Amino acid sequence: MMSENELAKLAVDVCFKIHTRLGPGLLESVYEEIVEYELRKLNLFIERQKDLPVNWDNLKLEKGYRADLIIERKLLMELKSVEQI
């Protein structure tokens, strides 16, 4: 079982590989799809666009947050796309 730090390193490496080949400026959904694809190739369990609850006092919002990607139920990835760096 991989640690959060090991998973984070893999995720950064995958994102660097994608950015090197595609560069900036595409839609976030394109990067998200490719990141998921590359991580699955590494036999990692990936959840995409998963709704997560948010609790506040006695208020529970079942869909308070939507995670872009969750890797191995340990590492949450929030992807952002910009036109240029």
C-alpha atoms as a PDB file:
ATOM      1  CA  MET A   1       0.000   0.000   0.000  1.00  0.00           C
ATOM      2  CA  MET A   2       1.451   3.352  -1.045  1.00  0.00           C
ATOM      3  CA  SER A   3       1.751   6.327   1.261  1.00  0.00           C
ATOM      4  CA  GLU A   4       0.189   9.692   0.517  1.00  0.00           C
ATOM      5  CA  ASN A   5       3.654  11.064  -0.316  1.00  0.00           C
ATOM      6  CA  GLU A   6       4.338   8.255  -2.794  1.00  0.00           C
ATOM      7  CA  LEU A   7       0.962   8.808  -4.448  1.00  0.00           C
ATOM      8  CA  ALA A   8       1.587  12.550  -4.606  1.00  0.00           C
ATOM      9  CA  LYS A   9       4.935  11.980  -6.314  1.00  0.00           C
ATOM     10  CA  LEU A  10       3.287   9.749  -8.929  1.00  0.00           C
ATOM     11  CA  ALA A  11       0.536  12.321  -9.484  1.00  0.00           C
ATOM     12  CA  VAL A  12       3.041  15.169  -9.940  1.00  0.00           C
ATOM     13  CA  ASP A  13       5.119  13.058 -12.322  1.00  0.00           C
ATOM     14  CA  VAL A  14       2.031  12.236 -14.403  1.00  0.00           C
ATOM     15  CA  CYS A  15       0.955  15.883 -14.500  1.00  0.00           C
ATOM     16  CA  PHE A  16       4.451  16.985 -15.520  1.00  0.00           C
ATOM     17  CA  LYS A  17       4.474  14.404 -18.332  1.00  0.00           C
ATOM     18  CA  ILE A  18       1.098  15.632 -19.587  1.00  0.00           C
ATOM     19  CA  HIS A  19       2.056  19.307 -19.343  1.00  0.00           C
ATOM     20  CA  THR A  20       5.320  18.638 -21.187  1.00  0.00           C
ATOM     21  CA  ARG A  21       3.467  16.990 -24.092  1.00  0.00           C
ATOM     22  CA  LEU A  22       0.339  19.151 -24.279  1.00  0.00           C
ATOM     23  CA  GLY A  23       1.352  22.437 -22.676  1.00  0.00           C
ATOM     24  CA  PRO A  24      -1.122  24.884 -21.105  1.00  0.00           C
ATOM     25  CA  GLY A  25      -4.398  26.184 -22.482  1.00  0.00           C
ATOM     26  CA  LEU A  26      -6.679  23.153 -22.842  1.00  0.00           C
ATOM     27  CA  LEU A  27      -9.903  22.698 -20.923  1.00  0.00           C
ATOM     28  CA  GLU A  28      -9.559  21.347 -17.406  1.00  0.00           C
ATOM     29  CA  SER A  29     -11.753  18.387 -18.379  1.00  0.00           C
ATOM     30  CA  VAL A  30      -9.190  17.319 -21.005  1.00  0.00           C
ATOM     31  CA  TYR A  31      -6.354  17.274 -18.471  1.00  0.00           C
ATOM     32  CA  GLU A  32      -8.578  15.510 -15.946  1.00  0.00           C
ATOM     33  CA  GLU A  33      -9.432  12.734 -18.392  1.00  0.00           C
ATOM     34  CA  ILE A  34      -5.776  12.202 -19.327  1.00  0.00           C
ATOM     35  CA  VAL A  35      -4.573  12.292 -15.709  1.00  0.00           C
ATOM     36  CA  GLU A  36      -7.176   9.669 -14.815  1.00  0.00           C
ATOM     37  CA  TYR A  37      -6.129   7.538 -17.804  1.00  0.00           C
ATOM     38  CA  GLU A  38      -2.418   7.734 -16.901  1.00  0.00           C
ATOM     39  CA  LEU A  39      -3.023   6.941 -13.226  1.00  0.00           C
ATOM     40  CA  ARG A  40      -5.216   3.962 -14.093  1.00  0.00           C
ATOM     41  CA  LYS A  41      -2.379   2.665 -16.295  1.00  0.00           C
ATOM     42  CA  LEU A  42      -0.378   2.502 -13.042  1.00  0.00           C
ATOM     43  CA  ASN A  43      -3.108   0.252 -11.586  1.00  0.00           C
ATOM     44  CA  LEU A  44      -4.283   2.904  -9.137  1.00  0.00           C
ATOM     45  CA  PHE A  45      -7.875   3.118  -7.918  1.00  0.00           C
ATOM     46  CA  ILE A  46      -9.270   6.448  -9.126  1.00  0.00           C
ATOM     47  CA  GLU A  47     -12.574   8.130  -8.310  1.00  0.00           C
ATOM     48  CA  ARG A  48     -13.523  11.067 -10.525  1.00  0.00           C
ATOM     49  CA  GLN A  49     -15.957  13.925  -9.881  1.00  0.00           C
ATOM     50  CA  LYS A  50     -16.959  12.383  -6.566  1.00  0.00           C
ATOM     51  CA  ASP A  51     -19.401  14.247  -4.350  1.00  0.00           C
ATOM     52  CA  LEU A  52     -18.221  14.551  -0.752  1.00  0.00           C
ATOM     53  CA  PRO A  53     -20.237  15.696   2.257  1.00  0.00           C
ATOM     54  CA  VAL A  54     -19.523  18.829   4.248  1.00  0.00           C
ATOM     55  CA  ASN A  55     -20.614  19.041   7.889  1.00  0.00           C
ATOM     56  CA  TRP A  56     -21.307  22.291   9.676  1.00  0.00           C
ATOM     57  CA  ASP A  57     -22.682  22.135  13.221  1.00  0.00           C
ATOM     58  CA  ASN A  58     -25.888  20.098  12.797  1.00  0.00           C
ATOM     59  CA  LEU A  59     -26.051  20.773   9.066  1.00  0.00           C
ATOM     60  CA  LYS A  60     -24.850  18.024   6.732  1.00  0.00           C
ATOM     61  CA  LEU A  61     -24.528  18.883   3.056  1.00  0.00           C
ATOM     62  CA  GLU A  62     -24.434  15.553   1.229  1.00  0.00           C
ATOM     63  CA  LYS A  63     -22.943  17.155  -1.878  1.00  0.00           C
ATOM     64  CA  GLY A  64     -20.988  19.964  -0.300  1.00  0.00           C
ATOM     65  CA  TYR A  65     -17.852  19.423  -2.355  1.00  0.00           C
ATOM     66  CA  ARG A  66     -16.998  17.672  -5.608  1.00  0.00           C
ATOM     67  CA  ALA A  67     -13.478  16.247  -5.884  1.00  0.00           C
ATOM     68  CA  ASP A  68     -11.902  16.189  -9.340  1.00  0.00           C
ATOM     69  CA  LEU A  69      -9.905  13.028  -8.638  1.00  0.00           C
ATOM     70  CA  ILE A  70      -9.314  10.872  -5.576  1.00  0.00           C
ATOM     71  CA  ILE A  71      -6.391   8.470  -5.813  1.00  0.00           C
ATOM     72  CA  GLU A  72      -6.444   5.231  -3.815  1.00  0.00           C
ATOM     73  CA  ARG A  73      -8.974   6.775  -1.410  1.00  0.00           C
ATOM     74  CA  LYS A  74      -6.076   8.788   0.063  1.00  0.00           C
ATOM     75  CA  LEU A  75      -5.074  11.677  -2.172  1.00  0.00           C
ATOM     76  CA  LEU A  76      -7.467  14.333  -3.406  1.00  0.00           C
ATOM     77  CA  MET A  77      -6.503  16.133  -6.639  1.00  0.00           C
ATOM     78  CA  GLU A  78      -8.045  19.440  -7.621  1.00  0.00           C
ATOM     79  CA  LEU A  79      -7.008  20.316 -11.172  1.00  0.00           C
ATOM     80  CA  LYS A  80      -6.763  23.849 -12.530  1.00  0.00           C
ATOM     81  CA  SER A  81      -6.133  24.908 -16.086  1.00  0.00           C
ATOM     82  CA  VAL A  82      -4.686  28.219 -17.253  1.00  0.00           C
ATOM     83  CA  GLU A  83      -4.075  29.669 -20.688  1.00  0.00           C
ATOM     84  CA  GLN A  84      -0.417  30.305 -20.044  1.00  0.00           C
ATOM     85  CA  ILE A  85       2.146  30.072 -17.298  1.00  0.00           C
END
